[in-house]
C-alpha atoms as a PDB file:
ATOM      1  CA  MET A   1      -0.035  -0.187   0.266  1.00  0.00           C
ATOM      2  CA  ASP A   2       1.064   3.272  -0.603  1.00  0.00           C
ATOM      3  CA  LYS A   3       1.947   5.875   1.970  1.00  0.00           C
ATOM      4  CA  LYS A   4      -1.223   7.889   1.283  1.00  0.00           C
ATOM      5  CA  GLY A   5      -3.710   4.955   1.511  1.00  0.00           C
ATOM      6  CA  PRO A   6      -3.996   5.401   5.684  1.00  0.00           C
ATOM      7  CA  ASP A   7      -4.589   9.157   5.007  1.00  0.00           C
ATOM      8  CA  LYS A   8      -7.269   8.364   2.481  1.00  0.00           C
ATOM      9  CA  LYS A   9      -8.654   5.357   4.506  1.00  0.00           C
ATOM     10  CA  GLU A  10      -9.535   7.367   7.220  1.00  0.00           C
ATOM     11  CA  ARG A  11     -10.727  10.600   5.198  1.00  0.00           C
ATOM     12  CA  LEU A  12     -12.998   8.446   3.012  1.00  0.00           C
ATOM     13  CA  LEU A  13     -14.179   6.548   6.319  1.00  0.00           C
ATOM     14  CA  ALA A  14     -14.473   9.712   8.337  1.00  0.00           C
ATOM     15  CA  ALA A  15     -16.687  11.624   5.294  1.00  0.00           C
ATOM     16  CA  LEU A  16     -18.787   8.564   5.044  1.00  0.00           C
ATOM     17  CA  GLU A  17     -19.960   8.465   8.386  1.00  0.00           C
ATOM     18  CA  GLN A  18     -21.230  12.305   7.725  1.00  0.00           C
ATOM     19  CA  GLY A  19     -23.173  10.909   4.376  1.00  0.00           C
ATOM     20  CA  MET A  20     -22.874  10.423   1.054  1.00  0.00           C
ATOM     21  CA  VAL A  21     -19.024  10.613  -0.505  1.00  0.00           C
ATOM     22  CA  MET A  22     -18.165  11.354  -3.549  1.00  0.00           C
ATOM     23  CA  ILE A  23     -14.557   9.693  -5.039  1.00  0.00           C
ATOM     24  CA  HIS A  24     -12.632  10.602  -7.809  1.00  0.00           C
ATOM     25  CA  LEU A  25     -10.503   8.087  -9.487  1.00  0.00           C
ATOM     26  CA  ASP A  26      -8.411   6.928 -12.560  1.00  0.00           C
ATOM     27  CA  ALA A  27     -10.350   3.941 -14.113  1.00  0.00           C
ATOM     28  CA  ARG A  28      -7.144   3.483 -16.353  1.00  0.00           C
ATOM     29  CA  ARG A  29      -5.151   2.544 -13.334  1.00  0.00           C
ATOM     30  CA  PRO A  30      -4.397  -1.313 -12.619  1.00  0.00           C
ATOM     31  CA  GLY A  31      -6.261  -2.624  -9.992  1.00  0.00           C
ATOM     32  CA  VAL A  32      -9.224  -0.817 -11.056  1.00  0.00           C
ATOM     33  CA  LEU A  33     -12.599  -2.576 -11.700  1.00  0.00           C
ATOM     34  CA  VAL A  34     -15.634  -0.692 -13.173  1.00  0.00           C
ATOM     35  CA  PRO A  35     -17.971  -1.707 -16.011  1.00  0.00           C
ATOM     36  CA  SER A  36     -16.506  -1.784 -19.449  1.00  0.00           C
ATOM     37  CA  GLU A  37     -17.744   1.544 -20.741  1.00  0.00           C
ATOM     38  CA  LEU A  38     -15.951   3.514 -18.322  1.00  0.00           C
ATOM     39  CA  ARG A  39     -12.859   1.620 -17.979  1.00  0.00           C
ATOM     40  CA  ASN A  40     -11.235   4.456 -20.183  1.00  0.00           C
ATOM     41  CA  GLU A  41     -12.210   7.175 -17.842  1.00  0.00           C
ATOM     42  CA  SER A  42      -8.805   9.431 -16.892  1.00  0.00           C
ATOM     43  CA  HIS A  43     -11.616  11.614 -14.222  1.00  0.00           C
ATOM     44  CA  LEU A  44     -14.306   9.025 -13.150  1.00  0.00           C
ATOM     45  CA  ARG A  45     -16.800  10.126 -10.178  1.00  0.00           C
ATOM     46  CA  LEU A  46     -18.504   7.241  -8.225  1.00  0.00           C
ATOM     47  CA  ASN A  47     -20.801   8.197  -4.955  1.00  0.00           C
ATOM     48  CA  LEU A  48     -20.921   6.088  -2.048  1.00  0.00           C
ATOM     49  CA  SER A  49     -23.051   6.118   0.945  1.00  0.00           C
ATOM     50  CA  TYR A  50     -24.202   4.061   3.716  1.00  0.00           C
ATOM     51  CA  ARG A  51     -27.570   5.101   2.996  1.00  0.00           C
ATOM     52  CA  PHE A  52     -27.303   2.988  -0.326  1.00  0.00           C
ATOM     53  CA  ASP A  53     -27.341   0.095   2.165  1.00  0.00           C
ATOM     54  CA  PRO A  54     -24.319  -1.272   0.251  1.00  0.00           C
ATOM     55  CA  PRO A  55     -24.524  -5.145   1.164  1.00  0.00           C
ATOM     56  CA  ASP A  56     -20.490  -5.282   0.813  1.00  0.00           C
ATOM     57  CA  LEU A  57     -19.019  -1.930   1.031  1.00  0.00           C
ATOM     58  CA  SER A  58     -15.721  -2.177   2.301  1.00  0.00           C
ATOM     59  CA  VAL A  59     -12.763   0.160   2.785  1.00  0.00           C
ATOM     60  CA  THR A  60      -9.317  -1.626   3.255  1.00  0.00           C
ATOM     61  CA  GLU A  61      -5.320  -0.921   3.387  1.00  0.00           C
ATOM     62  CA  TRP A  62      -5.806  -1.946  -0.312  1.00  0.00           C
ATOM     63  CA  GLY A  63      -8.564   0.473  -1.451  1.00  0.00           C
ATOM     64  CA  VAL A  64     -12.222   0.678  -1.696  1.00  0.00           C
ATOM     65  CA  ARG A  65     -14.852  -1.909  -2.941  1.00  0.00           C
ATOM     66  CA  SER A  66     -18.713  -1.980  -2.991  1.00  0.00           C
ATOM     67  CA  THR A  67     -21.420  -3.433  -5.442  1.00  0.00           C
ATOM     68  CA  LEU A  68     -22.771  -0.226  -7.383  1.00  0.00           C
ATOM     69  CA  SER A  69     -25.943   0.506  -9.413  1.00  0.00           C
ATOM     70  CA  PHE A  70     -25.023   2.084 -13.543  1.00  0.00           C
ATOM     71  CA  GLY A  71     -27.749   2.681 -15.506  1.00  0.00           C
ATOM     72  CA  GLY A  72     -30.119  -0.107 -13.394  1.00  0.00           C
ATOM     73  CA  LYS A  73     -27.383  -2.473 -13.311  1.00  0.00           C
ATOM     74  CA  ARG A  74     -25.618  -3.774 -10.576  1.00  0.00           C
ATOM     75  CA  PHE A  75     -21.584  -4.056 -10.778  1.00  0.00           C
ATOM     76  CA  THR A  76     -18.824  -4.602  -7.906  1.00  0.00           C
ATOM     77  CA  VAL A  77     -16.214  -1.778  -8.396  1.00  0.00           C
ATOM     78  CA  ALA A  78     -13.033  -1.843  -6.857  1.00  0.00           C
ATOM     79  CA  VAL A  79     -10.532   1.309  -6.150  1.00  0.00           C
ATOM     80  CA  PRO A  80      -7.007   0.761  -5.227  1.00  0.00           C
ATOM     81  CA  TRP A  81      -6.234   4.347  -3.243  1.00  0.00           C
ATOM     82  CA  SER A  82      -3.212   4.677  -5.910  1.00  0.00           C
ATOM     83  CA  ALA A  83      -6.139   5.439  -8.178  1.00  0.00           C
ATOM     84  CA  LEU A  84      -8.000   7.661  -5.764  1.00  0.00           C
ATOM     85  CA  PHE A  85      -7.034  11.437  -6.610  1.00  0.00           C
ATOM     86  CA  ALA A  86      -9.916  13.176  -4.587  1.00  0.00           C
ATOM     87  CA  ILE A  87     -12.747  12.565  -2.181  1.00  0.00           C
ATOM     88  CA  ALA A  88     -15.880  15.136  -1.529  1.00  0.00           C
ATOM     89  CA  SER A  89     -18.704  14.877   1.244  1.00  0.00           C
ATOM     90  CA  HIS A  90     -21.761  15.693  -0.506  1.00  0.00           C
ATOM     91  CA  VAL A  91     -23.342  16.595   3.431  1.00  0.00           C
ATOM     92  CA  THR A  92     -20.268  18.798   4.346  1.00  0.00           C
ATOM     93  CA  LYS A  93     -19.438  21.169   1.756  1.00  0.00           C
ATOM     94  CA  GLU A  94     -15.960  21.857   3.215  1.00  0.00           C
ATOM     95  CA  LEU A  95     -14.696  18.150   3.555  1.00  0.00           C
ATOM     96  CA  PHE A  96     -12.806  18.052   0.135  1.00  0.00           C
ATOM     97  CA  TRP A  97      -9.452  16.208  -0.216  1.00  0.00           C
ATOM     98  CA  MET A  98      -7.218  16.462  -3.168  1.00  0.00           C
ATOM     99  CA  TYR A  99      -4.517  14.122  -3.847  1.00  0.00           C
ATOM    100  CA  PRO A 100      -2.302  15.804  -6.724  1.00  0.00           C
ATOM    101  CA  ASP A 101       0.370  13.167  -7.158  1.00  0.00           C
ATOM    102  CA  ASP A 102      -2.346  10.864  -8.280  1.00  0.00           C
ATOM    103  CA  MET A 103      -3.962  12.675 -10.632  1.00  0.00           C
ATOM    104  CA  PRO A 104      -3.948  11.966 -14.649  1.00  0.00           C
ATOM    105  CA  ALA A 105      -1.583  13.707 -16.224  1.00  0.00           C
ATOM    106  CA  GLU A 106      -4.433  15.448 -18.251  1.00  0.00           C
ATOM    107  CA  LEU A 107      -6.466  17.072 -15.709  1.00  0.00           C
ATOM    108  CA  LEU A 108      -2.647  18.457 -13.971  1.00  0.00           C
ATOM    109  CA  GLN A 109      -2.157  19.859 -17.145  1.00  0.00           C
ATOM    110  CA  GLN A 110      -5.957  21.463 -17.271  1.00  0.00           C
ATOM    111  CA  THR A 111      -5.320  23.192 -13.669  1.00  0.00           C
ATOM    112  CA  MET A 112      -1.546  24.224 -14.114  1.00  0.00           C
ATOM    113  CA  VAL A 113      -1.257  28.207 -13.858  1.00  0.00           C
ATOM    114  CA  THR A 114       1.129  30.149 -15.508  1.00  0.00           C
ATOM    115  CA  THR A 115       0.809  33.694 -14.064  1.00  0.00           C
ATOM    116  CA  LYS A 116       2.843  35.608 -12.090  1.00  0.00           C
ATOM    117  CA  VAL A 117       2.460  37.203  -8.601  1.00  0.00           C
ATOM    118  CA  SER A 118       4.023  40.555  -8.131  1.00  0.00           C
ATOM    119  CA  THR A 119       6.832  39.646 -10.065  1.00  0.00           C
ATOM    120  CA  GLN A 120       7.308  36.017  -8.663  1.00  0.00           C
ATOM    121  CA  GLU A 121       6.675  33.366 -10.680  1.00  0.00           C
ATOM    122  CA  VAL A 122       4.363  30.730  -8.883  1.00  0.00           C
ATOM    123  CA  VAL A 123       6.158  27.209  -8.181  1.00  0.00           C
ATOM    124  CA  PRO A 124       5.000  24.343  -6.545  1.00  0.00           C
ATOM    125  CA  THR A 125       6.741  23.101  -3.217  1.00  0.00           C
ATOM    126  CA  PRO A 126       9.386  20.431  -4.522  1.00  0.00           C
ATOM    127  CA  ALA A 127       8.100  16.972  -3.821  1.00  0.00           C
ATOM    128  CA  PRO A 128       9.770  13.622  -3.428  1.00  0.00           C
ATOM    129  CA  ALA A 129      10.010  11.656  -7.149  1.00  0.00           C
ATOM    130  CA  PRO A 130       6.788   9.549  -7.390  1.00  0.00           C
ATOM    131  CA  ALA A 131       7.840   5.675  -7.481  1.00  0.00           C
ATOM    132  CA  SER A 132       7.061   4.911 -11.078  1.00  0.00           C
ATOM    133  CA  ALA A 133       9.970   6.284 -13.835  1.00  0.00           C
ATOM    134  CA  GLU A 134       7.847   8.445 -15.756  1.00  0.00           C
ATOM    135  CA  ALA A 135       8.232  12.236 -14.414  1.00  0.00           C
ATOM    136  CA  ARG A 136       4.319  13.508 -13.511  1.00  0.00           C
ATOM    137  CA  PRO A 137       3.469  16.827 -13.790  1.00  0.00           C
ATOM    138  CA  ARG A 138       3.120  18.925 -10.412  1.00  0.00           C
ATOM    139  CA  ALA A 139      -0.483  21.090 -10.127  1.00  0.00           C
ATOM    140  CA  VAL A 140      -0.427  24.437  -8.505  1.00  0.00           C
ATOM    141  CA  LEU A 141      -3.629  25.315  -6.613  1.00  0.00           C
ATOM    142  CA  ARG A 142      -5.129  28.718  -6.880  1.00  0.00           C
ATOM    143  CA  GLU A 143      -7.889  30.899  -5.450  1.00  0.00           C
ATOM    144  CA  VAL A 144     -11.422  30.678  -7.639  1.00  0.00           C
ATOM    145  CA  PRO A 145     -13.679  34.026  -7.441  1.00  0.00           C
ATOM    146  CA  SER A 146     -16.599  33.082  -6.034  1.00  0.00           C
ATOM    147  CA  GLY A 147     -18.832  34.938  -8.442  1.00  0.00           C
ATOM    148  CA  GLU A 148     -19.442  38.109  -6.426  1.00  0.00           C
ATOM    149  CA  GLY A 149     -19.252  41.316  -8.319  1.00  0.00           C
ATOM    150  CA  LYS A 150     -20.613  39.652 -11.441  1.00  0.00           C
ATOM    151  CA  GLU A 151     -22.354  41.684 -14.081  1.00  0.00           C
ATOM    152  CA  PRO A 152     -26.198  42.033 -13.396  1.00  0.00           C
ATOM    153  CA  GLU A 153     -28.089  40.056 -15.539  1.00  0.00           C
ATOM    154  CA  PRO A 154     -29.836  42.079 -18.336  1.00  0.00           C
ATOM    155  CA  GLU A 155     -33.676  43.512 -17.434  1.00  0.00           C
ATOM    156  CA  GLY A 156     -36.503  42.109 -19.265  1.00  0.00           C
ATOM    157  CA  PRO A 157     -38.239  39.220 -20.182  1.00  0.00           C
ATOM    158  CA  ARG A 158     -36.575  36.492 -21.551  1.00  0.00           C
ATOM    159  CA  ASP A 159     -38.358  34.066 -24.170  1.00  0.00           C
ATOM    160  CA  GLU A 160     -35.928  31.193 -23.618  1.00  0.00           C
ATOM    161  CA  PRO A 161     -33.684  29.636 -21.141  1.00  0.00           C
ATOM    162  CA  PRO A 162     -30.371  30.729 -21.891  1.00  0.00           C
ATOM    163  CA  THR A 163     -28.168  28.048 -23.363  1.00  0.00           C
ATOM    164  CA  PRO A 164     -25.866  25.959 -21.022  1.00  0.00           C
ATOM    165  CA  ARG A 165     -22.314  26.707 -21.355  1.00  0.00           C
ATOM    166  CA  LYS A 166     -20.421  23.180 -21.800  1.00  0.00           C
ATOM    167  CA  GLY A 167     -18.249  23.008 -19.303  1.00  0.00           C
ATOM    168  CA  HIS A 168     -15.570  19.997 -18.093  1.00  0.00           C
ATOM    169  CA  LEU A 169     -17.126  20.384 -14.353  1.00  0.00           C
ATOM    170  CA  ARG A 170     -20.635  19.409 -13.138  1.00  0.00           C
ATOM    171  CA  LEU A 171     -22.514  19.615  -9.872  1.00  0.00           C
ATOM    172  CA  VAL A 172     -23.551  16.661  -8.691  1.00  0.00           C
ATOM    173  CA  LYS A 173     -26.486  16.819  -5.775  1.00  0.00           C
END
């Protein structure tokens, strides 16, 4: 088991005690067992909860196993800790843990920041080299504006709802 396994396990169990949890994983990693149509997903999100009354939900030193429903069909999934890169609680929005070292390279590239902060370049903190031979880019986290101070919407009646913009993130409630 990797060094982060116990940390991920403790955090997942604590979040499950609060209610529904969404785990973010790279389904292409070795040891991941998901339905065949999802095996090539670099960012797969699965909801786990004791409220689902899972007959076999287990959080072990290896990772997470549970039978979940996909399109009305039951499937037993297996997720090793090395494939899990984020844990989010649906109940307490404050509980969200990310593990950038385990994120897929394409997600890291999307989140890389190349801005300068008052003449100093933003540089990630050096970390030990990953266990694999390939070098992986490091993520730089940045604050995202909350939306306060947005321009007001134009006044007047609307005949049609605005067309939603396609994004790579979506809100799951």
